[in-house]
């Protein structure tokens, strides 16, 4: 059984039995981090799992390479580790050097875009709630390539019979 089959077996047990990683670790007599480290391997796509197994990499190599943000960087690291028969420590150095060459904005761009879309949806929902309650409100969005400006304008309700 390879590392990915073991990870899938652990995940299946957790789901089938409805237990936590901690509970599974206790039942197996291993640490929770052992279970978590195995499960983390399932972040690889099936294609990448096949490449790792075919390349003869160890689980520690695979976990080190998993730090890279995308499959192309991961494939590059795997090729280097395989070609030069690198130790885990050397593999970690390769991963560190690849990470250093990746602009930090590129690493989190997809996460940032997802958060922006979530924020827009929340504001749309807020606008709908306000207008449904009879409160006049508008939302204006403007983008300039570098920034997104979102303005939510809410009209104060007029007070009936207010004394001036």
Foldseek 3Di string as FASTA:
>chain_A
DALLVVLVVLVVCCVVVVHDLCVVCVVVVHHSVVNVLSVLLVVDDPVVVVLCVVLVHHSLLSSLLSVDQDDVSSVVLSVVCSVVVDDSVVSNVSSVVVVVPDPPCVSCVVVVVVVVVVVVVVVVVVCVVCVVVVWDKDWDWDDDPPDIDIDIDTDDDDDPPDDD
